[in-house]
Structure formats: structure tokens, C-alpha cells
Amino acid sequence: MPKITIAANGQTYEVPEGTSFLEYCQANDVPHNFGCTVGSCGTCACVVTEGAESLPPIGDEESETVEMATDEEGARLGCQLVITGDITVRAAEV
């Protein structure tokens, strides 16, 4: 099973492949900020510091919101992430 590591607390969580990062965080009190939860506010912008290559590619709508929220290279929206492999995530600087 893939693992999510949260850089803020160093904890690692094992999740089934195909799990929504948003849903897992909300159901398990994993520390990450979310706002609208539909990809339009940018509150959940994050940087995948390890394992980004295992995620599905960023879509046009997600890319637009990321560009609005942060200038960090490789940022993604936590509410849009589907876990398909091991990743390490930290909040983006917004």
C-alpha cells in the first residue's frame, strides 16, 4: 500500500491505492488545511517533495488554481490528489 508522509509532523500513513488525499486527511485528522475542497480556492496548495512522479498529472483547472495560490514549483492541490504511490507532502507557501 502507498504511504503518505506529512512533512509538518513527520508522520507516515499507509493508505489504499487510489485514496483521495482530502478524504483521508479529513477522516483521520491528518494535519493539512483545506478550504472549498473542490479545487477553486487554493487553501490546500501543497508541494510533493518526494514521489510526485507517482501521482496522476496535474490538470488544467488544478494548474490554474495552483498558479493563483502559490509560485512554488511543483505545487499541487491537496483536495485533488489521488494517492497512487508513496509521497511526502508539505504545505505550499501561499
PDB file of N, CA and C in Angstrom:
ATOM      1  N   MET A   1       0.837  -1.188   0.000  1.00  0.00           N
ATOM      2  CA  MET A   1       0.000   0.000   0.000  1.00  0.00           C
ATOM      3  C   MET A   1       0.877   1.245   0.000  1.00  0.00           C
ATOM      4  N   PRO A   2       0.452   2.282  -0.705  1.00  0.00           N
ATOM      5  CA  PRO A   2       1.205   3.540  -0.714  1.00  0.00           C
ATOM      6  C   PRO A   2       1.211   4.199   0.661  1.00  0.00           C
ATOM      7  N   LYS A   3       2.210   5.054   0.860  1.00  0.00           N
ATOM      8  CA  LYS A   3       2.353   5.776   2.125  1.00  0.00           C
ATOM      9  C   LYS A   3       2.371   7.272   1.857  1.00  0.00           C
ATOM     10  N   ILE A   4       1.683   8.021   2.733  1.00  0.00           N
ATOM     11  CA  ILE A   4       1.719   9.480   2.718  1.00  0.00           C
ATOM     12  C   ILE A   4       2.534   9.897   3.933  1.00  0.00           C
ATOM     13  N   THR A   5       3.576  10.699   3.713  1.00  0.00           N
ATOM     14  CA  THR A   5       4.328  11.272   4.827  1.00  0.00           C
ATOM     15  C   THR A   5       4.044  12.769   4.844  1.00  0.00           C
ATOM     16  N   ILE A   6       3.648  13.264   6.004  1.00  0.00           N
ATOM     17  CA  ILE A   6       3.361  14.684   6.186  1.00  0.00           C
ATOM     18  C   ILE A   6       4.600  15.330   6.783  1.00  0.00           C
ATOM     19  N   ALA A   7       5.216  16.227   6.028  1.00  0.00           N
ATOM     20  CA  ALA A   7       6.467  16.849   6.458  1.00  0.00           C
ATOM     21  C   ALA A   7       6.308  17.626   7.758  1.00  0.00           C
ATOM     22  N   ALA A   8       5.147  18.242   7.988  1.00  0.00           N
ATOM     23  CA  ALA A   8       4.930  19.081   9.174  1.00  0.00           C
ATOM     24  C   ALA A   8       5.108  18.315  10.482  1.00  0.00           C
ATOM     25  N   ASN A   9       4.682  17.054  10.484  1.00  0.00           N
ATOM     26  CA  ASN A   9       4.791  16.282  11.728  1.00  0.00           C
ATOM     27  C   ASN A   9       5.640  15.023  11.577  1.00  0.00           C
ATOM     28  N   GLY A  10       6.113  14.751  10.366  1.00  0.00           N
ATOM     29  CA  GLY A  10       6.961  13.590  10.132  1.00  0.00           C
ATOM     30  C   GLY A  10       6.232  12.259  10.183  1.00  0.00           C
ATOM     31  N   GLN A  11       4.926  12.276  10.337  1.00  0.00           N
ATOM     32  CA  GLN A  11       4.180  11.026  10.432  1.00  0.00           C
ATOM     33  C   GLN A  11       3.894  10.450   9.055  1.00  0.00           C
ATOM     34  N   THR A  12       3.851   9.135   8.992  1.00  0.00           N
ATOM     35  CA  THR A  12       3.571   8.414   7.766  1.00  0.00           C
ATOM     36  C   THR A  12       2.294   7.607   7.948  1.00  0.00           C
ATOM     37  N   TYR A  13       1.460   7.651   6.924  1.00  0.00           N
ATOM     38  CA  TYR A  13       0.172   6.966   6.954  1.00  0.00           C
ATOM     39  C   TYR A  13       0.101   6.037   5.751  1.00  0.00           C
ATOM     40  N   GLU A  14      -0.284   4.796   5.973  1.00  0.00           N
ATOM     41  CA  GLU A  14      -0.440   3.829   4.892  1.00  0.00           C
ATOM     42  C   GLU A  14      -1.877   3.899   4.403  1.00  0.00           C
ATOM     43  N   VAL A  15      -2.046   4.023   3.084  1.00  0.00           N
ATOM     44  CA  VAL A  15      -3.387   4.188   2.511  1.00  0.00           C
ATOM     45  C   VAL A  15      -3.576   3.255   1.322  1.00  0.00           C
ATOM     46  N   PRO A  16      -4.805   2.858   1.057  1.00  0.00           N
ATOM     47  CA  PRO A  16      -5.052   2.062  -0.149  1.00  0.00           C
ATOM     48  C   PRO A  16      -4.783   2.889  -1.409  1.00  0.00           C
ATOM     49  N   GLU A  17      -4.253   2.259  -2.440  1.00  0.00           N
ATOM     50  CA  GLU A  17      -4.017   2.948  -3.707  1.00  0.00           C
ATOM     51  C   GLU A  17      -5.334   3.493  -4.235  1.00  0.00           C
ATOM     52  N   GLY A  18      -5.299   4.717  -4.766  1.00  0.00           N
ATOM     53  CA  GLY A  18      -6.497   5.364  -5.289  1.00  0.00           C
ATOM     54  C   GLY A  18      -7.237   6.204  -4.258  1.00  0.00           C
ATOM     55  N   THR A  19      -6.677   6.294  -3.055  1.00  0.00           N
ATOM     56  CA  THR A  19      -7.293   7.075  -1.986  1.00  0.00           C
ATOM     57  C   THR A  19      -7.192   8.567  -2.286  1.00  0.00           C
ATOM     58  N   SER A  20      -8.266   9.290  -1.988  1.00  0.00           N
ATOM     59  CA  SER A  20      -8.267  10.744  -2.078  1.00  0.00           C
ATOM     60  C   SER A  20      -7.510  11.303  -0.869  1.00  0.00           C
ATOM     61  N   PHE A  21      -6.506  12.148  -1.118  1.00  0.00           N
ATOM     62  CA  PHE A  21      -5.745  12.776  -0.038  1.00  0.00           C
ATOM     63  C   PHE A  21      -6.681  13.566   0.871  1.00  0.00           C
ATOM     64  N   LEU A  22      -7.587  14.326   0.289  1.00  0.00           N
ATOM     65  CA  LEU A  22      -8.560  15.114   1.042  1.00  0.00           C
ATOM     66  C   LEU A  22      -9.386  14.237   1.968  1.00  0.00           C
ATOM     67  N   GLU A  23     -10.004  13.218   1.418  1.00  0.00           N
ATOM     68  CA  GLU A  23     -10.880  12.358   2.213  1.00  0.00           C
ATOM     69  C   GLU A  23     -10.110  11.644   3.314  1.00  0.00           C
ATOM     70  N   TYR A  24      -8.900  11.189   3.004  1.00  0.00           N
ATOM     71  CA  TYR A  24      -8.112  10.509   4.033  1.00  0.00           C
ATOM     72  C   TYR A  24      -7.757  11.467   5.160  1.00  0.00           C
ATOM     73  N   CYS A  25      -7.310  12.666   4.810  1.00  0.00           N
ATOM     74  CA  CYS A  25      -6.936  13.651   5.832  1.00  0.00           C
ATOM     75  C   CYS A  25      -8.120  13.990   6.722  1.00  0.00           C
ATOM     76  N   GLN A  26      -9.269  14.222   6.123  1.00  0.00           N
ATOM     77  CA  GLN A  26     -10.450  14.580   6.910  1.00  0.00           C
ATOM     78  C   GLN A  26     -10.926  13.445   7.796  1.00  0.00           C
ATOM     79  N   ALA A  27     -10.889  12.229   7.304  1.00  0.00           N
ATOM     80  CA  ALA A  27     -11.378  11.083   8.071  1.00  0.00           C
ATOM     81  C   ALA A  27     -10.425  10.665   9.194  1.00  0.00           C
ATOM     82  N   ASN A  28      -9.147  11.048   9.073  1.00  0.00           N
ATOM     83  CA  ASN A  28      -8.142  10.567  10.020  1.00  0.00           C
ATOM     84  C   ASN A  28      -7.407  11.682  10.752  1.00  0.00           C
ATOM     85  N   ASP A  29      -7.945  12.892  10.738  1.00  0.00           N
ATOM     86  CA  ASP A  29      -7.348  14.037  11.428  1.00  0.00           C
ATOM     87  C   ASP A  29      -5.885  14.258  11.064  1.00  0.00           C
ATOM     88  N   VAL A  30      -5.566  14.048   9.795  1.00  0.00           N
ATOM     89  CA  VAL A  30      -4.209  14.314   9.298  1.00  0.00           C
ATOM     90  C   VAL A  30      -4.085  15.826   9.114  1.00  0.00           C
ATOM     91  N   PRO A  31      -3.014  16.437   9.645  1.00  0.00           N
ATOM     92  CA  PRO A  31      -2.906  17.895   9.599  1.00  0.00           C
ATOM     93  C   PRO A  31      -2.577  18.459   8.213  1.00  0.00           C
ATOM     94  N   HIS A  32      -3.590  18.998   7.560  1.00  0.00           N
ATOM     95  CA  HIS A  32      -3.425  19.733   6.303  1.00  0.00           C
ATOM     96  C   HIS A  32      -4.638  20.635   6.168  1.00  0.00           C
ATOM     97  N   ASN A  33      -4.426  21.875   5.762  1.00  0.00           N
ATOM     98  CA  ASN A  33      -5.529  22.827   5.627  1.00  0.00           C
ATOM     99  C   ASN A  33      -6.271  22.631   4.310  1.00  0.00           C
ATOM    100  N   PHE A  34      -7.592  22.663   4.401  1.00  0.00           N
ATOM    101  CA  PHE A  34      -8.454  22.601   3.232  1.00  0.00           C
ATOM    102  C   PHE A  34      -9.461  23.724   3.333  1.00  0.00           C
ATOM    103  N   GLY A  35      -9.909  24.220   2.204  1.00  0.00           N
ATOM    104  CA  GLY A  35     -10.917  25.273   2.174  1.00  0.00           C
ATOM    105  C   GLY A  35     -12.164  24.766   1.493  1.00  0.00           C
ATOM    106  N   CYS A  36     -12.331  25.122   0.228  1.00  0.00           N
ATOM    107  CA  CYS A  36     -13.548  24.788  -0.518  1.00  0.00           C
ATOM    108  C   CYS A  36     -13.678  23.293  -0.817  1.00  0.00           C
ATOM    109  N   THR A  37     -12.582  22.590  -0.885  1.00  0.00           N
ATOM    110  CA  THR A  37     -12.486  21.148  -1.176  1.00  0.00           C
ATOM    111  C   THR A  37     -12.848  20.765  -2.608  1.00  0.00           C
ATOM    112  N   VAL A  38     -12.987  21.738  -3.494  1.00  0.00           N
ATOM    113  CA  VAL A  38     -13.339  21.428  -4.883  1.00  0.00           C
ATOM    114  C   VAL A  38     -12.333  21.976  -5.892  1.00  0.00           C
ATOM    115  N   GLY A  39     -11.201  22.471  -5.418  1.00  0.00           N
ATOM    116  CA  GLY A  39     -10.144  22.883  -6.332  1.00  0.00           C
ATOM    117  C   GLY A  39     -10.187  24.305  -6.827  1.00  0.00           C
ATOM    118  N   SER A  40     -10.939  25.180  -6.152  1.00  0.00           N
ATOM    119  CA  SER A  40     -11.004  26.546  -6.668  1.00  0.00           C
ATOM    120  C   SER A  40     -10.428  27.609  -5.738  1.00  0.00           C
ATOM    121  N   CYS A  41     -10.139  27.295  -4.470  1.00  0.00           N
ATOM    122  CA  CYS A  41      -9.668  28.342  -3.553  1.00  0.00           C
ATOM    123  C   CYS A  41      -8.150  28.354  -3.353  1.00  0.00           C
ATOM    124  N   GLY A  42      -7.500  27.224  -3.457  1.00  0.00           N
ATOM    125  CA  GLY A  42      -6.048  27.158  -3.297  1.00  0.00           C
ATOM    126  C   GLY A  42      -5.562  27.019  -1.876  1.00  0.00           C
ATOM    127  N   THR A  43      -6.469  26.957  -0.901  1.00  0.00           N
ATOM    128  CA  THR A  43      -6.079  26.831   0.507  1.00  0.00           C
ATOM    129  C   THR A  43      -5.237  25.585   0.763  1.00  0.00           C
ATOM    130  N   CYS A  44      -5.510  24.519   0.059  1.00  0.00           N
ATOM    131  CA  CYS A  44      -4.842  23.240   0.292  1.00  0.00           C
ATOM    132  C   CYS A  44      -3.585  23.050  -0.551  1.00  0.00           C
ATOM    133  N   ALA A  45      -3.097  24.133  -1.174  1.00  0.00           N
ATOM    134  CA  ALA A  45      -1.900  24.011  -2.013  1.00  0.00           C
ATOM    135  C   ALA A  45      -0.769  23.358  -1.227  1.00  0.00           C
ATOM    136  N   CYS A  46      -0.121  22.412  -1.853  1.00  0.00           N
ATOM    137  CA  CYS A  46       0.957  21.672  -1.195  1.00  0.00           C
ATOM    138  C   CYS A  46       2.059  21.377  -2.203  1.00  0.00           C
ATOM    139  N   VAL A  47       3.195  21.019  -1.678  1.00  0.00           N
ATOM    140  CA  VAL A  47       4.315  20.614  -2.518  1.00  0.00           C
ATOM    141  C   VAL A  47       4.628  19.160  -2.187  1.00  0.00           C
ATOM    142  N   VAL A  48       4.652  18.336  -3.196  1.00  0.00           N
ATOM    143  CA  VAL A  48       5.008  16.933  -3.019  1.00  0.00           C
ATOM    144  C   VAL A  48       6.526  16.874  -3.158  1.00  0.00           C
ATOM    145  N   THR A  49       7.211  16.770  -2.029  1.00  0.00           N
ATOM    146  CA  THR A  49       8.672  16.835  -2.031  1.00  0.00           C
ATOM    147  C   THR A  49       9.320  15.517  -2.426  1.00  0.00           C
ATOM    148  N   GLU A  50       8.582  14.440  -2.305  1.00  0.00           N
ATOM    149  CA  GLU A  50       9.064  13.124  -2.751  1.00  0.00           C
ATOM    150  C   GLU A  50       7.896  12.356  -3.340  1.00  0.00           C
ATOM    151  N   GLY A  51       8.125  11.697  -4.449  1.00  0.00           N
ATOM    152  CA  GLY A  51       7.130  10.820  -5.053  1.00  0.00           C
ATOM    153  C   GLY A  51       6.165  11.484  -6.017  1.00  0.00           C
ATOM    154  N   ALA A  52       6.407  12.728  -6.394  1.00  0.00           N
ATOM    155  CA  ALA A  52       5.490  13.431  -7.301  1.00  0.00           C
ATOM    156  C   ALA A  52       5.288  12.679  -8.612  1.00  0.00           C
ATOM    157  N   GLU A  53       6.311  11.963  -9.048  1.00  0.00           N
ATOM    158  CA  GLU A  53       6.214  11.232 -10.318  1.00  0.00           C
ATOM    159  C   GLU A  53       5.194  10.104 -10.265  1.00  0.00           C
ATOM    160  N   SER A  54       4.794   9.689  -9.072  1.00  0.00           N
ATOM    161  CA  SER A  54       3.822   8.602  -8.960  1.00  0.00           C
ATOM    162  C   SER A  54       2.379   9.103  -8.964  1.00  0.00           C
ATOM    163  N   LEU A  55       2.182  10.426  -8.964  1.00  0.00           N
ATOM    164  CA  LEU A  55       0.835  10.986  -8.963  1.00  0.00           C
ATOM    165  C   LEU A  55       0.325  11.154 -10.395  1.00  0.00           C
ATOM    166  N   PRO A  56      -0.996  11.128 -10.567  1.00  0.00           N
ATOM    167  CA  PRO A  56      -1.546  11.458 -11.882  1.00  0.00           C
ATOM    168  C   PRO A  56      -1.133  12.886 -12.252  1.00  0.00           C
ATOM    169  N   PRO A  57      -0.982  13.185 -13.526  1.00  0.00           N
ATOM    170  CA  PRO A  57      -0.550  14.528 -13.933  1.00  0.00           C
ATOM    171  C   PRO A  57      -1.563  15.597 -13.531  1.00  0.00           C
ATOM    172  N   ILE A  58      -1.060  16.809 -13.357  1.00  0.00           N
ATOM    173  CA  ILE A  58      -1.913  17.943 -12.999  1.00  0.00           C
ATOM    174  C   ILE A  58      -2.785  18.326 -14.197  1.00  0.00           C
ATOM    175  N   GLY A  59      -4.065  18.606 -13.928  1.00  0.00           N
ATOM    176  CA  GLY A  59      -4.985  19.021 -14.985  1.00  0.00           C
ATOM    177  C   GLY A  59      -4.991  20.535 -15.141  1.00  0.00           C
ATOM    178  N   ASP A  60      -5.636  21.004 -16.187  1.00  0.00           N
ATOM    179  CA  ASP A  60      -5.671  22.437 -16.480  1.00  0.00           C
ATOM    180  C   ASP A  60      -6.318  23.255 -15.361  1.00  0.00           C
ATOM    181  N   GLU A  61      -7.465  22.812 -14.850  1.00  0.00           N
ATOM    182  CA  GLU A  61      -8.157  23.558 -13.799  1.00  0.00           C
ATOM    183  C   GLU A  61      -7.329  23.596 -12.525  1.00  0.00           C
ATOM    184  N   GLU A  62      -6.744  22.462 -12.145  1.00  0.00           N
ATOM    185  CA  GLU A  62      -5.889  22.428 -10.958  1.00  0.00           C
ATOM    186  C   GLU A  62      -4.701  23.359 -11.152  1.00  0.00           C
ATOM    187  N   SER A  63      -4.109  23.321 -12.324  1.00  0.00           N
ATOM    188  CA  SER A  63      -2.954  24.165 -12.620  1.00  0.00           C
ATOM    189  C   SER A  63      -3.289  25.653 -12.479  1.00  0.00           C
ATOM    190  N   GLU A  64      -4.454  26.059 -12.959  1.00  0.00           N
ATOM    191  CA  GLU A  64      -4.874  27.458 -12.853  1.00  0.00           C
ATOM    192  C   GLU A  64      -4.999  27.892 -11.397  1.00  0.00           C
ATOM    193  N   THR A  65      -5.604  27.048 -10.571  1.00  0.00           N
ATOM    194  CA  THR A  65      -5.778  27.387  -9.156  1.00  0.00           C
ATOM    195  C   THR A  65      -4.432  27.412  -8.447  1.00  0.00           C
ATOM    196  N   VAL A  66      -3.553  26.467  -8.752  1.00  0.00           N
ATOM    197  CA  VAL A  66      -2.224  26.441  -8.148  1.00  0.00           C
ATOM    198  C   VAL A  66      -1.481  27.734  -8.480  1.00  0.00           C
ATOM    199  N   GLU A  67      -1.529  28.157  -9.739  1.00  0.00           N
ATOM    200  CA  GLU A  67      -0.839  29.381 -10.150  1.00  0.00           C
ATOM    201  C   GLU A  67      -1.368  30.606  -9.411  1.00  0.00           C
ATOM    202  N   MET A  68      -2.658  30.599  -9.076  1.00  0.00           N
ATOM    203  CA  MET A  68      -3.258  31.687  -8.322  1.00  0.00           C
ATOM    204  C   MET A  68      -2.807  31.658  -6.853  1.00  0.00           C
ATOM    205  N   ALA A  69      -2.584  30.464  -6.318  1.00  0.00           N
ATOM    206  CA  ALA A  69      -2.326  30.302  -4.892  1.00  0.00           C
ATOM    207  C   ALA A  69      -0.858  30.434  -4.490  1.00  0.00           C
ATOM    208  N   THR A  70       0.061  29.991  -5.349  1.00  0.00           N
ATOM    209  CA  THR A  70       1.467  29.958  -4.957  1.00  0.00           C
ATOM    210  C   THR A  70       2.381  30.002  -6.174  1.00  0.00           C
ATOM    211  N   ASP A  71       3.608  30.444  -5.945  1.00  0.00           N
ATOM    212  CA  ASP A  71       4.619  30.458  -7.002  1.00  0.00           C
ATOM    213  C   ASP A  71       5.559  29.259  -6.899  1.00  0.00           C
ATOM    214  N   GLU A  72       5.320  28.372  -5.928  1.00  0.00           N
ATOM    215  CA  GLU A  72       6.235  27.254  -5.711  1.00  0.00           C
ATOM    216  C   GLU A  72       6.169  26.253  -6.863  1.00  0.00           C
ATOM    217  N   GLU A  73       7.337  25.878  -7.329  1.00  0.00           N
ATOM    218  CA  GLU A  73       7.471  24.891  -8.409  1.00  0.00           C
ATOM    219  C   GLU A  73       6.938  23.540  -7.951  1.00  0.00           C
ATOM    220  N   GLY A  74       6.133  22.922  -8.786  1.00  0.00           N
ATOM    221  CA  GLY A  74       5.637  21.576  -8.495  1.00  0.00           C
ATOM    222  C   GLY A  74       4.497  21.520  -7.503  1.00  0.00           C
ATOM    223  N   ALA A  75       3.889  22.658  -7.178  1.00  0.00           N
ATOM    224  CA  ALA A  75       2.776  22.657  -6.218  1.00  0.00           C
ATOM    225  C   ALA A  75       1.561  21.951  -6.812  1.00  0.00           C
ATOM    226  N   ARG A  76       0.781  21.372  -5.941  1.00  0.00           N
ATOM    227  CA  ARG A  76      -0.459  20.685  -6.308  1.00  0.00           C
ATOM    228  C   ARG A  76      -1.540  21.087  -5.312  1.00  0.00           C
ATOM    229  N   LEU A  77      -2.782  20.749  -5.603  1.00  0.00           N
ATOM    230  CA  LEU A  77      -3.876  20.973  -4.666  1.00  0.00           C
ATOM    231  C   LEU A  77      -4.151  19.682  -3.916  1.00  0.00           C
ATOM    232  N   GLY A  78      -4.083  19.751  -2.610  1.00  0.00           N
ATOM    233  CA  GLY A  78      -4.323  18.561  -1.790  1.00  0.00           C
ATOM    234  C   GLY A  78      -5.692  17.956  -2.026  1.00  0.00           C
ATOM    235  N   CYS A  79      -6.686  18.806  -2.285  1.00  0.00           N
ATOM    236  CA  CYS A  79      -8.043  18.295  -2.485  1.00  0.00           C
ATOM    237  C   CYS A  79      -8.196  17.531  -3.793  1.00  0.00           C
ATOM    238  N   GLN A  80      -7.237  17.664  -4.689  1.00  0.00           N
ATOM    239  CA  GLN A  80      -7.312  16.993  -5.988  1.00  0.00           C
ATOM    240  C   GLN A  80      -6.406  15.766  -6.079  1.00  0.00           C
ATOM    241  N   LEU A  81      -5.556  15.552  -5.073  1.00  0.00           N
ATOM    242  CA  LEU A  81      -4.587  14.451  -5.134  1.00  0.00           C
ATOM    243  C   LEU A  81      -5.251  13.095  -4.934  1.00  0.00           C
ATOM    244  N   VAL A  82      -4.884  12.166  -5.784  1.00  0.00           N
ATOM    245  CA  VAL A  82      -5.270  10.764  -5.642  1.00  0.00           C
ATOM    246  C   VAL A  82      -3.966   9.999  -5.458  1.00  0.00           C
ATOM    247  N   ILE A  83      -3.871   9.269  -4.365  1.00  0.00           N
ATOM    248  CA  ILE A  83      -2.622   8.618  -3.986  1.00  0.00           C
ATOM    249  C   ILE A  83      -2.437   7.318  -4.762  1.00  0.00           C
ATOM    250  N   THR A  84      -1.360   7.279  -5.550  1.00  0.00           N
ATOM    251  CA  THR A  84      -1.066   6.090  -6.356  1.00  0.00           C
ATOM    252  C   THR A  84       0.320   5.529  -6.046  1.00  0.00           C
ATOM    253  N   GLY A  85       1.032   6.175  -5.125  1.00  0.00           N
ATOM    254  CA  GLY A  85       2.358   5.723  -4.731  1.00  0.00           C
ATOM    255  C   GLY A  85       2.810   6.513  -3.513  1.00  0.00           C
ATOM    256  N   ASP A  86       3.961   6.167  -2.975  1.00  0.00           N
ATOM    257  CA  ASP A  86       4.486   6.845  -1.792  1.00  0.00           C
ATOM    258  C   ASP A  86       4.774   8.309  -2.097  1.00  0.00           C
ATOM    259  N   ILE A  87       4.313   9.215  -1.206  1.00  0.00           N
ATOM    260  CA  ILE A  87       4.598  10.636  -1.363  1.00  0.00           C
ATOM    261  C   ILE A  87       4.933  11.266  -0.014  1.00  0.00           C
ATOM    262  N   THR A  88       5.674  12.355  -0.068  1.00  0.00           N
ATOM    263  CA  THR A  88       5.890  13.217   1.087  1.00  0.00           C
ATOM    264  C   THR A  88       5.343  14.578   0.702  1.00  0.00           C
ATOM    265  N   VAL A  89       4.523  15.162   1.583  1.00  0.00           N
ATOM    266  CA  VAL A  89       3.797  16.391   1.297  1.00  0.00           C
ATOM    267  C   VAL A  89       4.080  17.437   2.367  1.00  0.00           C
ATOM    268  N   ARG A  90       4.244  18.693   1.913  1.00  0.00           N
ATOM    269  CA  ARG A  90       4.303  19.817   2.853  1.00  0.00           C
ATOM    270  C   ARG A  90       3.421  20.923   2.303  1.00  0.00           C
ATOM    271  N   ALA A  91       2.937  21.769   3.181  1.00  0.00           N
ATOM    272  CA  ALA A  91       2.096  22.894   2.748  1.00  0.00           C
ATOM    273  C   ALA A  91       2.928  23.831   1.880  1.00  0.00           C
ATOM    274  N   ALA A  92       2.311  24.366   0.857  1.00  0.00           N
ATOM    275  CA  ALA A  92       2.985  25.348  -0.019  1.00  0.00           C
ATOM    276  C   ALA A  92       2.978  26.695   0.671  1.00  0.00           C
ATOM    277  N   GLU A  93       3.963  27.504   0.337  1.00  0.00           N
ATOM    278  CA  GLU A  93       3.966  28.874   0.823  1.00  0.00           C
ATOM    279  C   GLU A  93       3.039  29.678  -0.067  1.00  0.00           C
ATOM    280  N   VAL A  94       1.993  30.225   0.540  1.00  0.00           N
ATOM    281  CA  VAL A  94       0.995  30.983  -0.244  1.00  0.00           C
ATOM    282  C   VAL A  94       1.081  32.462   0.045  1.00  0.00           C
TER     283      VAL A  94
END
